[in-house]
C-alpha atoms as a PDB file:
ATOM      1  CA  MET A   1      -2.990 -13.641 -23.713  1.00  0.00           C
ATOM      2  CA  SER A   2      -5.637 -16.516 -23.178  1.00  0.00           C
ATOM      3  CA  ARG A   3      -8.339 -15.287 -20.465  1.00  0.00           C
ATOM      4  CA  LYS A   4     -10.493 -17.028 -18.150  1.00  0.00           C
ATOM      5  CA  PRO A   5     -14.087 -16.963 -19.402  1.00  0.00           C
ATOM      6  CA  VAL A   6     -16.639 -15.238 -17.396  1.00  0.00           C
ATOM      7  CA  ALA A   7     -20.230 -13.966 -18.007  1.00  0.00           C
ATOM      8  CA  LEU A   8     -21.323 -11.177 -15.756  1.00  0.00           C
ATOM      9  CA  LYS A   9     -24.822 -10.856 -15.750  1.00  0.00           C
ATOM     10  CA  GLY A  10     -27.498  -9.734 -13.016  1.00  0.00           C
ATOM     11  CA  ILE A  11     -27.406  -7.870 -10.077  1.00  0.00           C
ATOM     12  CA  LEU A  12     -23.990  -7.703  -8.962  1.00  0.00           C
ATOM     13  CA  ALA A  13     -23.940  -6.230  -5.147  1.00  0.00           C
ATOM     14  CA  ALA A  14     -21.049  -3.629  -4.481  1.00  0.00           C
ATOM     15  CA  VAL A  15     -20.279  -4.821  -1.093  1.00  0.00           C
ATOM     16  CA  THR A  16     -18.894  -3.480   2.135  1.00  0.00           C
ATOM     17  CA  THR A  17     -15.623  -4.446   3.931  1.00  0.00           C
ATOM     18  CA  PRO A  18     -16.820  -5.171   7.250  1.00  0.00           C
ATOM     19  CA  PHE A  19     -14.441  -3.709  10.314  1.00  0.00           C
ATOM     20  CA  THR A  20     -14.478  -4.507  13.856  1.00  0.00           C
ATOM     21  CA  ALA A  21     -16.439  -2.428  16.347  1.00  0.00           C
ATOM     22  CA  ASP A  22     -12.977   0.271  16.722  1.00  0.00           C
ATOM     23  CA  GLY A  23     -12.264   0.083  12.789  1.00  0.00           C
ATOM     24  CA  SER A  24      -9.251  -1.165  13.339  1.00  0.00           C
ATOM     25  CA  ALA A  25      -8.943  -4.529  11.887  1.00  0.00           C
ATOM     26  CA  VAL A  26     -11.266  -6.208   8.989  1.00  0.00           C
ATOM     27  CA  ASP A  27     -13.955  -8.501  10.451  1.00  0.00           C
ATOM     28  CA  GLU A  28     -13.670 -11.622   8.440  1.00  0.00           C
ATOM     29  CA  ASP A  29     -16.254 -13.308  10.376  1.00  0.00           C
ATOM     30  CA  ALA A  30     -18.977 -10.585   9.558  1.00  0.00           C
ATOM     31  CA  LEU A  31     -17.544 -10.441   5.745  1.00  0.00           C
ATOM     32  CA  ARG A  32     -18.420 -14.084   5.548  1.00  0.00           C
ATOM     33  CA  ALA A  33     -21.963 -13.760   7.122  1.00  0.00           C
ATOM     34  CA  GLN A  34     -22.265 -11.368   4.261  1.00  0.00           C
ATOM     35  CA  VAL A  35     -21.376 -13.224   1.704  1.00  0.00           C
ATOM     36  CA  GLU A  36     -23.926 -16.006   2.548  1.00  0.00           C
ATOM     37  CA  ARG A  37     -26.595 -13.434   2.994  1.00  0.00           C
ATOM     38  CA  LEU A  38     -26.414 -12.005  -0.209  1.00  0.00           C
ATOM     39  CA  VAL A  39     -25.853 -15.364  -2.123  1.00  0.00           C
ATOM     40  CA  GLY A  40     -28.877 -16.645  -0.435  1.00  0.00           C
ATOM     41  CA  ALA A  41     -30.899 -13.962  -1.317  1.00  0.00           C
ATOM     42  CA  GLY A  42     -30.366 -14.798  -4.933  1.00  0.00           C
ATOM     43  CA  ILE A  43     -27.313 -12.067  -5.969  1.00  0.00           C
ATOM     44  CA  HIS A  44     -25.727 -12.927  -9.287  1.00  0.00           C
ATOM     45  CA  GLY A  45     -22.133 -11.471  -8.212  1.00  0.00           C
ATOM     46  CA  LEU A  46     -20.095  -9.925  -5.669  1.00  0.00           C
ATOM     47  CA  VAL A  47     -17.769  -6.755  -6.166  1.00  0.00           C
ATOM     48  CA  PRO A  48     -15.454  -6.196  -3.320  1.00  0.00           C
ATOM     49  CA  CYS A  49     -13.108  -3.412  -3.073  1.00  0.00           C
ATOM     50  CA  GLY A  50     -14.577  -0.607  -4.580  1.00  0.00           C
ATOM     51  CA  THR A  51     -15.974   2.384  -3.522  1.00  0.00           C
ATOM     52  CA  THR A  52     -18.403   0.860  -1.096  1.00  0.00           C
ATOM     53  CA  GLY A  53     -15.858  -1.461  -0.108  1.00  0.00           C
ATOM     54  CA  GLU A  54     -13.773   1.480   1.330  1.00  0.00           C
ATOM     55  CA  PHE A  55     -10.409   0.377  -0.509  1.00  0.00           C
ATOM     56  CA  THR A  56      -8.625   3.669  -0.128  1.00  0.00           C
ATOM     57  CA  THR A  57      -8.792   3.051   3.472  1.00  0.00           C
ATOM     58  CA  LEU A  58      -6.955  -0.522   3.308  1.00  0.00           C
ATOM     59  CA  SER A  59      -3.796  -1.218   4.108  1.00  0.00           C
ATOM     60  CA  PRO A  60      -1.839  -3.618   1.093  1.00  0.00           C
ATOM     61  CA  GLU A  61      -2.157  -6.302   3.460  1.00  0.00           C
ATOM     62  CA  GLU A  62      -5.826  -5.958   4.152  1.00  0.00           C
ATOM     63  CA  TYR A  63      -6.702  -5.011   0.453  1.00  0.00           C
ATOM     64  CA  ARG A  64      -5.098  -8.656  -0.594  1.00  0.00           C
ATOM     65  CA  ARG A  65      -6.823 -10.361   2.245  1.00  0.00           C
ATOM     66  CA  VAL A  66     -10.663  -8.849   1.817  1.00  0.00           C
ATOM     67  CA  ILE A  67     -10.067 -10.220  -2.152  1.00  0.00           C
ATOM     68  CA  GLU A  68      -9.184 -13.469  -0.574  1.00  0.00           C
ATOM     69  CA  VAL A  69     -11.623 -13.830   1.951  1.00  0.00           C
ATOM     70  CA  TYR A  70     -14.620 -12.948  -0.823  1.00  0.00           C
ATOM     71  CA  VAL A  71     -12.970 -15.609  -3.030  1.00  0.00           C
ATOM     72  CA  ASP A  72     -12.967 -18.216  -0.711  1.00  0.00           C
ATOM     73  CA  ALA A  73     -16.359 -17.406   0.891  1.00  0.00           C
ATOM     74  CA  ALA A  74     -18.096 -17.089  -2.303  1.00  0.00           C
ATOM     75  CA  ALA A  75     -16.647 -20.882  -2.899  1.00  0.00           C
ATOM     76  CA  GLY A  76     -17.494 -20.332  -6.768  1.00  0.00           C
ATOM     77  CA  ARG A  77     -21.470 -19.703  -6.219  1.00  0.00           C
ATOM     78  CA  VAL A  78     -21.531 -16.307  -7.636  1.00  0.00           C
ATOM     79  CA  PRO A  79     -18.541 -14.596  -9.459  1.00  0.00           C
ATOM     80  CA  VAL A  80     -16.175 -12.294  -7.752  1.00  0.00           C
ATOM     81  CA  VAL A  81     -15.270  -9.182  -9.424  1.00  0.00           C
ATOM     82  CA  ALA A  82     -12.364  -7.765  -7.254  1.00  0.00           C
ATOM     83  CA  GLY A  83     -11.948  -3.863  -7.190  1.00  0.00           C
ATOM     84  CA  ILE A  84      -8.515  -2.755  -8.032  1.00  0.00           C
ATOM     85  CA  GLY A  85      -7.452   0.793  -7.483  1.00  0.00           C
ATOM     86  CA  SER A  86      -3.968   2.045  -7.174  1.00  0.00           C
ATOM     87  CA  LEU A  87      -1.946   5.556  -8.177  1.00  0.00           C
ATOM     88  CA  THR A  88       0.433   3.790 -10.246  1.00  0.00           C
ATOM     89  CA  THR A  89       0.306   1.002 -12.873  1.00  0.00           C
ATOM     90  CA  ARG A  90       2.736  -0.904 -10.887  1.00  0.00           C
ATOM     91  CA  GLY A  91       0.455  -0.979  -7.950  1.00  0.00           C
ATOM     92  CA  ALA A  92      -2.657  -1.722 -10.277  1.00  0.00           C
ATOM     93  CA  ILE A  93      -0.958  -4.615 -11.758  1.00  0.00           C
ATOM     94  CA  GLU A  94       0.383  -6.218  -8.612  1.00  0.00           C
ATOM     95  CA  LEU A  95      -3.178  -5.923  -7.053  1.00  0.00           C
ATOM     96  CA  ALA A  96      -4.908  -7.438 -10.182  1.00  0.00           C
ATOM     97  CA  GLN A  97      -2.221 -10.248 -10.160  1.00  0.00           C
ATOM     98  CA  HIS A  98      -2.897 -11.153  -6.728  1.00  0.00           C
ATOM     99  CA  ALA A  99      -6.705 -11.062  -7.207  1.00  0.00           C
ATOM    100  CA  GLU A 100      -6.112 -13.555  -9.902  1.00  0.00           C
ATOM    101  CA  ARG A 101      -3.806 -15.905  -8.299  1.00  0.00           C
ATOM    102  CA  VAL A 102      -6.530 -16.225  -5.344  1.00  0.00           C
ATOM    103  CA  GLY A 103      -9.159 -17.022  -7.741  1.00  0.00           C
ATOM    104  CA  ALA A 104     -11.382 -14.037  -8.682  1.00  0.00           C
ATOM    105  CA  ASP A 105     -13.180 -14.081 -12.066  1.00  0.00           C
ATOM    106  CA  ALA A 106     -12.315 -10.578 -13.131  1.00  0.00           C
ATOM    107  CA  VAL A 107     -11.423  -7.082 -12.260  1.00  0.00           C
ATOM    108  CA  MET A 108     -12.798  -3.825 -11.966  1.00  0.00           C
ATOM    109  CA  VAL A 109     -10.190  -1.207 -12.573  1.00  0.00           C
ATOM    110  CA  VAL A 110     -10.374   2.437 -11.516  1.00  0.00           C
ATOM    111  CA  PRO A 111      -7.615   4.493 -13.062  1.00  0.00           C
ATOM    112  CA  PRO A 112      -5.487   6.398 -10.658  1.00  0.00           C
ATOM    113  CA  PHE A 113      -7.737   8.930  -8.831  1.00  0.00           C
ATOM    114  CA  TYR A 114      -5.440  12.047  -7.582  1.00  0.00           C
ATOM    115  CA  ASP A 115      -4.185  13.748 -10.752  1.00  0.00           C
ATOM    116  CA  PRO A 116      -6.675  12.797 -13.863  1.00  0.00           C
ATOM    117  CA  LEU A 117      -5.211  10.987 -16.727  1.00  0.00           C
ATOM    118  CA  SER A 118      -5.243  11.985 -20.201  1.00  0.00           C
ATOM    119  CA  PHE A 119      -7.108   9.785 -22.486  1.00  0.00           C
ATOM    120  CA  GLU A 120      -4.398   8.561 -24.194  1.00  0.00           C
ATOM    121  CA  SER A 121      -2.539   7.559 -20.678  1.00  0.00           C
ATOM    122  CA  LEU A 122      -5.821   6.059 -19.773  1.00  0.00           C
ATOM    123  CA  MET A 123      -5.848   3.441 -22.691  1.00  0.00           C
ATOM    124  CA  ALA A 124      -2.001   2.745 -21.882  1.00  0.00           C
ATOM    125  CA  PHE A 125      -2.826   2.362 -18.182  1.00  0.00           C
ATOM    126  CA  LEU A 126      -5.606  -0.440 -19.019  1.00  0.00           C
ATOM    127  CA  ALA A 127      -3.541  -1.829 -21.809  1.00  0.00           C
ATOM    128  CA  ASP A 128      -0.767  -2.795 -19.159  1.00  0.00           C
ATOM    129  CA  VAL A 129      -3.156  -4.090 -16.721  1.00  0.00           C
ATOM    130  CA  ALA A 130      -5.254  -6.072 -18.986  1.00  0.00           C
ATOM    131  CA  GLY A 131      -2.125  -7.402 -20.372  1.00  0.00           C
ATOM    132  CA  ALA A 132      -0.660  -8.473 -17.011  1.00  0.00           C
ATOM    133  CA  ILE A 133      -3.413 -10.750 -16.092  1.00  0.00           C
ATOM    134  CA  GLY A 134      -5.600 -13.838 -17.868  1.00  0.00           C
ATOM    135  CA  LEU A 135      -9.056 -12.128 -16.351  1.00  0.00           C
ATOM    136  CA  SER A 136     -11.620  -9.957 -17.950  1.00  0.00           C
ATOM    137  CA  VAL A 137     -11.119  -6.411 -16.944  1.00  0.00           C
ATOM    138  CA  MET A 138     -14.265  -3.909 -15.872  1.00  0.00           C
ATOM    139  CA  TYR A 139     -13.495  -0.170 -16.475  1.00  0.00           C
ATOM    140  CA  TYR A 140     -15.011   1.597 -13.585  1.00  0.00           C
ATOM    141  CA  ASN A 141     -16.014   4.988 -14.803  1.00  0.00           C
ATOM    142  CA  VAL A 142     -16.341   7.336 -11.746  1.00  0.00           C
ATOM    143  CA  PRO A 143     -15.589  10.786 -13.365  1.00  0.00           C
ATOM    144  CA  GLY A 144     -16.338  12.148  -9.922  1.00  0.00           C
ATOM    145  CA  ALA A 145     -13.512  10.415  -8.026  1.00  0.00           C
ATOM    146  CA  THR A 146     -10.802  10.326 -11.006  1.00  0.00           C
ATOM    147  CA  GLY A 147     -11.772  13.725 -12.491  1.00  0.00           C
ATOM    148  CA  LEU A 148     -11.788  11.949 -16.103  1.00  0.00           C
ATOM    149  CA  ARG A 149     -15.037  12.388 -17.947  1.00  0.00           C
ATOM    150  CA  LEU A 150     -15.305  10.204 -21.009  1.00  0.00           C
ATOM    151  CA  ASP A 151     -17.869  10.449 -23.985  1.00  0.00           C
ATOM    152  CA  ALA A 152     -19.633   7.184 -25.546  1.00  0.00           C
ATOM    153  CA  ASP A 153     -16.922   7.042 -28.491  1.00  0.00           C
ATOM    154  CA  GLN A 154     -14.226   7.196 -25.837  1.00  0.00           C
ATOM    155  CA  ILE A 155     -15.720   4.381 -23.800  1.00  0.00           C
ATOM    156  CA  ALA A 156     -16.122   2.282 -26.849  1.00  0.00           C
ATOM    157  CA  ARG A 157     -12.661   2.558 -27.698  1.00  0.00           C
ATOM    158  CA  LEU A 158     -11.518   1.262 -24.144  1.00  0.00           C
ATOM    159  CA  GLY A 159     -13.417  -1.566 -25.437  1.00  0.00           C
ATOM    160  CA  SER A 160     -10.884  -2.171 -28.071  1.00  0.00           C
ATOM    161  CA  ILE A 161      -8.070  -3.291 -25.844  1.00  0.00           C
ATOM    162  CA  ASP A 162      -7.879  -6.782 -25.273  1.00  0.00           C
ATOM    163  CA  GLY A 163      -9.190  -7.971 -21.954  1.00  0.00           C
ATOM    164  CA  VAL A 164     -11.354  -4.871 -21.305  1.00  0.00           C
ATOM    165  CA  ASP A 165     -14.829  -6.270 -21.944  1.00  0.00           C
ATOM    166  CA  TYR A 166     -17.030  -4.183 -19.316  1.00  0.00           C
ATOM    167  CA  LEU A 167     -17.974  -1.015 -17.779  1.00  0.00           C
ATOM    168  CA  LYS A 168     -19.261   0.028 -14.687  1.00  0.00           C
ATOM    169  CA  ASP A 169     -20.725   3.478 -15.423  1.00  0.00           C
ATOM    170  CA  THR A 170     -20.938   5.640 -12.309  1.00  0.00           C
ATOM    171  CA  SER A 171     -20.764   9.001 -14.232  1.00  0.00           C
ATOM    172  CA  GLY A 172     -24.622   9.870 -13.741  1.00  0.00           C
ATOM    173  CA  ASP A 173     -24.671  10.126 -17.405  1.00  0.00           C
ATOM    174  CA  ALA A 174     -28.133   8.665 -18.652  1.00  0.00           C
ATOM    175  CA  VAL A 175     -27.481   9.809 -22.274  1.00  0.00           C
ATOM    176  CA  THR A 176     -23.847   8.126 -22.560  1.00  0.00           C
ATOM    177  CA  LEU A 177     -25.248   5.339 -20.881  1.00  0.00           C
ATOM    178  CA  ALA A 178     -28.191   4.923 -23.275  1.00  0.00           C
ATOM    179  CA  ASP A 179     -25.791   5.543 -26.376  1.00  0.00           C
ATOM    180  CA  LEU A 180     -23.607   2.394 -25.255  1.00  0.00           C
ATOM    181  CA  LEU A 181     -26.647   0.259 -24.636  1.00  0.00           C
ATOM    182  CA  VAL A 182     -28.226   1.294 -27.874  1.00  0.00           C
ATOM    183  CA  ASN A 183     -25.413   1.600 -30.290  1.00  0.00           C
ATOM    184  CA  ARG A 184     -21.907  -0.029 -28.781  1.00  0.00           C
ATOM    185  CA  THR A 185     -22.824  -3.407 -27.241  1.00  0.00           C
ATOM    186  CA  GLU A 186     -20.333  -4.767 -29.342  1.00  0.00           C
ATOM    187  CA  ASP A 187     -17.575  -2.802 -28.238  1.00  0.00           C
ATOM    188  CA  ILE A 188     -18.254  -3.179 -24.518  1.00  0.00           C
ATOM    189  CA  LYS A 189     -20.591  -4.545 -22.225  1.00  0.00           C
ATOM    190  CA  ALA A 190     -22.147  -1.326 -20.181  1.00  0.00           C
ATOM    191  CA  PHE A 191     -23.455  -1.860 -16.759  1.00  0.00           C
ATOM    192  CA  ASN A 192     -25.199   0.553 -14.567  1.00  0.00           C
ATOM    193  CA  GLY A 193     -23.123   1.909 -11.424  1.00  0.00           C
ATOM    194  CA  TRP A 194     -25.267   4.970 -10.824  1.00  0.00           C
ATOM    195  CA  ASP A 195     -27.714   4.116  -7.958  1.00  0.00           C
ATOM    196  CA  THR A 196     -30.850   6.106  -9.264  1.00  0.00           C
ATOM    197  CA  LEU A 197     -30.303   5.109 -12.909  1.00  0.00           C
ATOM    198  CA  THR A 198     -30.761   1.267 -12.068  1.00  0.00           C
ATOM    199  CA  PHE A 199     -34.228   1.107 -13.548  1.00  0.00           C
ATOM    200  CA  PHE A 200     -33.155   3.242 -16.328  1.00  0.00           C
ATOM    201  CA  GLY A 201     -30.117   1.028 -17.128  1.00  0.00           C
ATOM    202  CA  LEU A 202     -32.056  -2.343 -16.612  1.00  0.00           C
ATOM    203  CA  ALA A 203     -35.134  -1.257 -18.990  1.00  0.00           C
ATOM    204  CA  SER A 204     -32.542  -0.002 -21.580  1.00  0.00           C
ATOM    205  CA  GLY A 205     -30.908  -3.420 -21.949  1.00  0.00           C
ATOM    206  CA  ALA A 206     -28.021  -3.594 -19.670  1.00  0.00           C
ATOM    207  CA  GLU A 207     -27.318  -7.319 -18.721  1.00  0.00           C
ATOM    208  CA  ALA A 208     -25.879  -5.888 -15.092  1.00  0.00           C
ATOM    209  CA  SER A 209     -26.120  -3.460 -12.382  1.00  0.00           C
ATOM    210  CA  VAL A 210     -22.896  -2.898 -10.107  1.00  0.00           C
ATOM    211  CA  TRP A 211     -25.013  -1.958  -7.324  1.00  0.00           C
ATOM    212  CA  GLY A 212     -24.436  -0.976  -3.663  1.00  0.00           C
ATOM    213  CA  VAL A 213     -28.079  -1.067  -2.493  1.00  0.00           C
ATOM    214  CA  ALA A 214     -28.375  -4.897  -3.651  1.00  0.00           C
ATOM    215  CA  GLY A 215     -25.815  -5.424  -0.669  1.00  0.00           C
ATOM    216  CA  VAL A 216     -28.438  -3.786   1.664  1.00  0.00           C
ATOM    217  CA  VAL A 217     -31.439  -5.109   0.253  1.00  0.00           C
ATOM    218  CA  PRO A 218     -30.873  -7.947  -1.938  1.00  0.00           C
ATOM    219  CA  GLU A 219     -34.481  -9.529  -2.162  1.00  0.00           C
ATOM    220  CA  LEU A 220     -35.730  -6.254  -3.376  1.00  0.00           C
ATOM    221  CA  ALA A 221     -32.970  -5.768  -5.764  1.00  0.00           C
ATOM    222  CA  VAL A 222     -32.952  -9.425  -7.524  1.00  0.00           C
ATOM    223  CA  ARG A 223     -37.007  -9.190  -7.398  1.00  0.00           C
ATOM    224  CA  LEU A 224     -36.212  -6.042  -9.886  1.00  0.00           C
ATOM    225  CA  TRP A 225     -34.129  -7.820 -11.898  1.00  0.00           C
ATOM    226  CA  ASP A 226     -36.370 -10.651 -12.256  1.00  0.00           C
ATOM    227  CA  THR A 227     -39.246  -8.534 -13.262  1.00  0.00           C
ATOM    228  CA  VAL A 228     -37.758  -6.087 -15.346  1.00  0.00           C
ATOM    229  CA  VAL A 229     -35.405  -8.326 -17.283  1.00  0.00           C
ATOM    230  CA  GLU A 230     -36.221 -11.825 -16.560  1.00  0.00           C
ATOM    231  CA  ARG A 231     -40.311 -11.292 -17.245  1.00  0.00           C
ATOM    232  CA  GLY A 232     -40.109  -8.008 -19.085  1.00  0.00           C
ATOM    233  CA  ASP A 233     -42.682  -6.722 -16.841  1.00  0.00           C
ATOM    234  CA  LEU A 234     -42.303  -2.788 -16.561  1.00  0.00           C
ATOM    235  CA  ALA A 235     -45.438  -2.093 -15.106  1.00  0.00           C
ATOM    236  CA  ALA A 236     -44.982  -4.046 -12.232  1.00  0.00           C
ATOM    237  CA  GLY A 237     -41.022  -3.186 -12.384  1.00  0.00           C
ATOM    238  CA  ARG A 238     -41.932   0.454 -12.072  1.00  0.00           C
ATOM    239  CA  GLU A 239     -44.140  -0.423  -8.597  1.00  0.00           C
ATOM    240  CA  LEU A 240     -40.837  -2.017  -7.388  1.00  0.00           C
ATOM    241  CA  TRP A 241     -38.704   0.721  -8.111  1.00  0.00           C
ATOM    242  CA  ARG A 242     -40.334   3.062  -6.140  1.00  0.00           C
ATOM    243  CA  ASP A 243     -38.935   1.882  -2.615  1.00  0.00           C
ATOM    244  CA  LEU A 244     -35.646   1.038  -4.266  1.00  0.00           C
ATOM    245  CA  TRP A 245     -35.714   4.634  -5.885  1.00  0.00           C
ATOM    246  CA  ALA A 246     -36.179   5.889  -2.643  1.00  0.00           C
ATOM    247  CA  ILE A 247     -33.266   3.844  -0.970  1.00  0.00           C
ATOM    248  CA  SER A 248     -31.144   4.732  -3.811  1.00  0.00           C
ATOM    249  CA  ASP A 249     -32.024   8.591  -3.677  1.00  0.00           C
ATOM    250  CA  PHE A 250     -31.055   8.817   0.116  1.00  0.00           C
ATOM    251  CA  LEU A 251     -27.817   7.282  -0.343  1.00  0.00           C
ATOM    252  CA  GLU A 252     -26.716   9.435  -3.202  1.00  0.00           C
ATOM    253  CA  SER A 253     -27.956  12.489  -0.442  1.00  0.00           C
ATOM    254  CA  VAL A 254     -25.417  11.240   2.226  1.00  0.00           C
ATOM    255  CA  ASN A 255     -22.157   9.582   2.567  1.00  0.00           C
ATOM    256  CA  TYR A 256     -22.518   6.581   0.698  1.00  0.00           C
ATOM    257  CA  VAL A 257     -20.359   3.970   2.795  1.00  0.00           C
ATOM    258  CA  ALA A 258     -21.938   5.536   6.223  1.00  0.00           C
ATOM    259  CA  GLY A 259     -25.405   5.395   4.791  1.00  0.00           C
ATOM    260  CA  ILE A 260     -24.888   1.964   3.327  1.00  0.00           C
ATOM    261  CA  LYS A 261     -23.145   0.769   6.695  1.00  0.00           C
ATOM    262  CA  ALA A 262     -26.024   2.444   8.877  1.00  0.00           C
ATOM    263  CA  GLY A 263     -28.659   0.367   6.795  1.00  0.00           C
ATOM    264  CA  LEU A 264     -26.961  -2.756   7.216  1.00  0.00           C
ATOM    265  CA  GLU A 265     -27.022  -2.033  11.020  1.00  0.00           C
ATOM    266  CA  LEU A 266     -30.694  -1.020  10.776  1.00  0.00           C
ATOM    267  CA  LEU A 267     -31.613  -4.213   9.286  1.00  0.00           C
ATOM    268  CA  GLY A 268     -29.602  -6.326  11.865  1.00  0.00           C
ATOM    269  CA  GLN A 269     -26.778  -7.273   9.666  1.00  0.00           C
ATOM    270  CA  PRO A 270     -23.939  -4.940  11.346  1.00  0.00           C
ATOM    271  CA  VAL A 271     -20.402  -5.013   9.368  1.00  0.00           C
ATOM    272  CA  GLY A 272     -19.103  -1.942  11.705  1.00  0.00           C
ATOM    273  CA  PRO A 273     -18.372   1.373  11.111  1.00  0.00           C
ATOM    274  CA  PRO A 274     -17.087   3.330   8.127  1.00  0.00           C
ATOM    275  CA  ARG A 275     -12.959   3.722   8.712  1.00  0.00           C
ATOM    276  CA  LEU A 276     -11.933   7.068   9.403  1.00  0.00           C
ATOM    277  CA  PRO A 277     -11.983   9.840   8.584  1.00  0.00           C
ATOM    278  CA  THR A 278     -15.542   9.070   7.393  1.00  0.00           C
ATOM    279  CA  GLN A 279     -17.764   9.375  10.184  1.00  0.00           C
ATOM    280  CA  PRO A 280     -21.086   7.330  11.287  1.00  0.00           C
ATOM    281  CA  LEU A 281     -24.251   8.607   9.858  1.00  0.00           C
ATOM    282  CA  PRO A 282     -25.710  11.388  12.056  1.00  0.00           C
ATOM    283  CA  ALA A 283     -28.784  10.395  13.928  1.00  0.00           C
ATOM    284  CA  ALA A 284     -31.242  12.526  11.633  1.00  0.00           C
ATOM    285  CA  ASP A 285     -30.172  10.819   8.896  1.00  0.00           C
ATOM    286  CA  ARG A 286     -30.398   7.544  10.323  1.00  0.00           C
ATOM    287  CA  GLU A 287     -34.142   8.089  11.463  1.00  0.00           C
ATOM    288  CA  ARG A 288     -34.981   9.267   7.728  1.00  0.00           C
ATOM    289  CA  PHE A 289     -33.315   6.213   6.599  1.00  0.00           C
ATOM    290  CA  ALA A 290     -35.037   3.756   8.907  1.00  0.00           C
ATOM    291  CA  ALA A 291     -38.430   5.295   7.572  1.00  0.00           C
ATOM    292  CA  ILE A 292     -37.384   4.528   4.125  1.00  0.00           C
ATOM    293  CA  LEU A 293     -36.525   1.098   5.037  1.00  0.00           C
ATOM    294  CA  GLU A 294     -39.507   0.608   6.835  1.00  0.00           C
ATOM    295  CA  ARG A 295     -41.845   1.947   4.043  1.00  0.00           C
ATOM    296  CA  ALA A 296     -40.015  -0.636   1.596  1.00  0.00           C
ATOM    297  CA  GLY A 297     -41.089  -3.549   3.918  1.00  0.00           C
ATOM    298  CA  ALA A 298     -37.330  -4.108   4.707  1.00  0.00           C
ATOM    299  CA  LEU A 299     -37.280  -3.089   8.249  1.00  0.00           C
ATOM    300  CA  PRO A 300     -40.048  -4.004  11.045  1.00  0.00           C
ATOM    301  CA  ALA A 301     -42.052  -1.321  12.441  1.00  0.00           C
ATOM    302  CA  ALA A 302     -40.527  -1.689  15.827  1.00  0.00           C
ATOM    303  CA  VAL A 303     -37.296  -1.004  14.771  1.00  0.00           C
END
């Protein structure tokens, strides 16, 4: 199958799904405003309907609509990589085909996440999804959710599937990520997706990072990319990384979605609450996050 070419590079923001104040519906106006803010800050791509986008809480109609609105709002200025997650192959194919129809540039596919697949079943699943569309596939490696932990050899084998070109690695396994970046770049392009390993990934040669923090402080995230990758200034990058690491470390210590949405509210960019059963960030954690954002220069002291 011929495929739509896409070159993914840079800071790809793992973006939220904004909800109305009672969490009952998608807030499309807030979604479009979020896109304008991120594109204006220089973000290099958008990844909706992943973990940060609360895809498991969306109705089938909402899921498709969120992808549509992100594509429409991006308007070709940056690539949109649509997150695809379903408990069945058929469901994943239908979502991926919808993403292709509405103009997404690629898809990020998480395997069924209730009953862990064998590696052979995973290969067959990805081959079926990739074979049903003309877009590049990014494999979302998130063993904490899927129960499926792969080594570098297995991940490299995924790249042998026609269309599986990219990896978002949210395993937290720096050794495997390093192996992929150093030894297996011809097999699959590995992007870091574990927040506190972002500097490590970029400094080790990752061509992109899929990063929830980038949706909160996009200017800082883009500055890190420009400093470490474009200018190759690791010393200056380490200084920038101190604040970004503190933000990343905080978010990994709380419910991630609740933390992201609290951060956006603190910054005056509200996107509604997390959808139940996830609860809003507790007050003590919210205060701790405000202090971290203030130290990073992202939050006015008065807030």
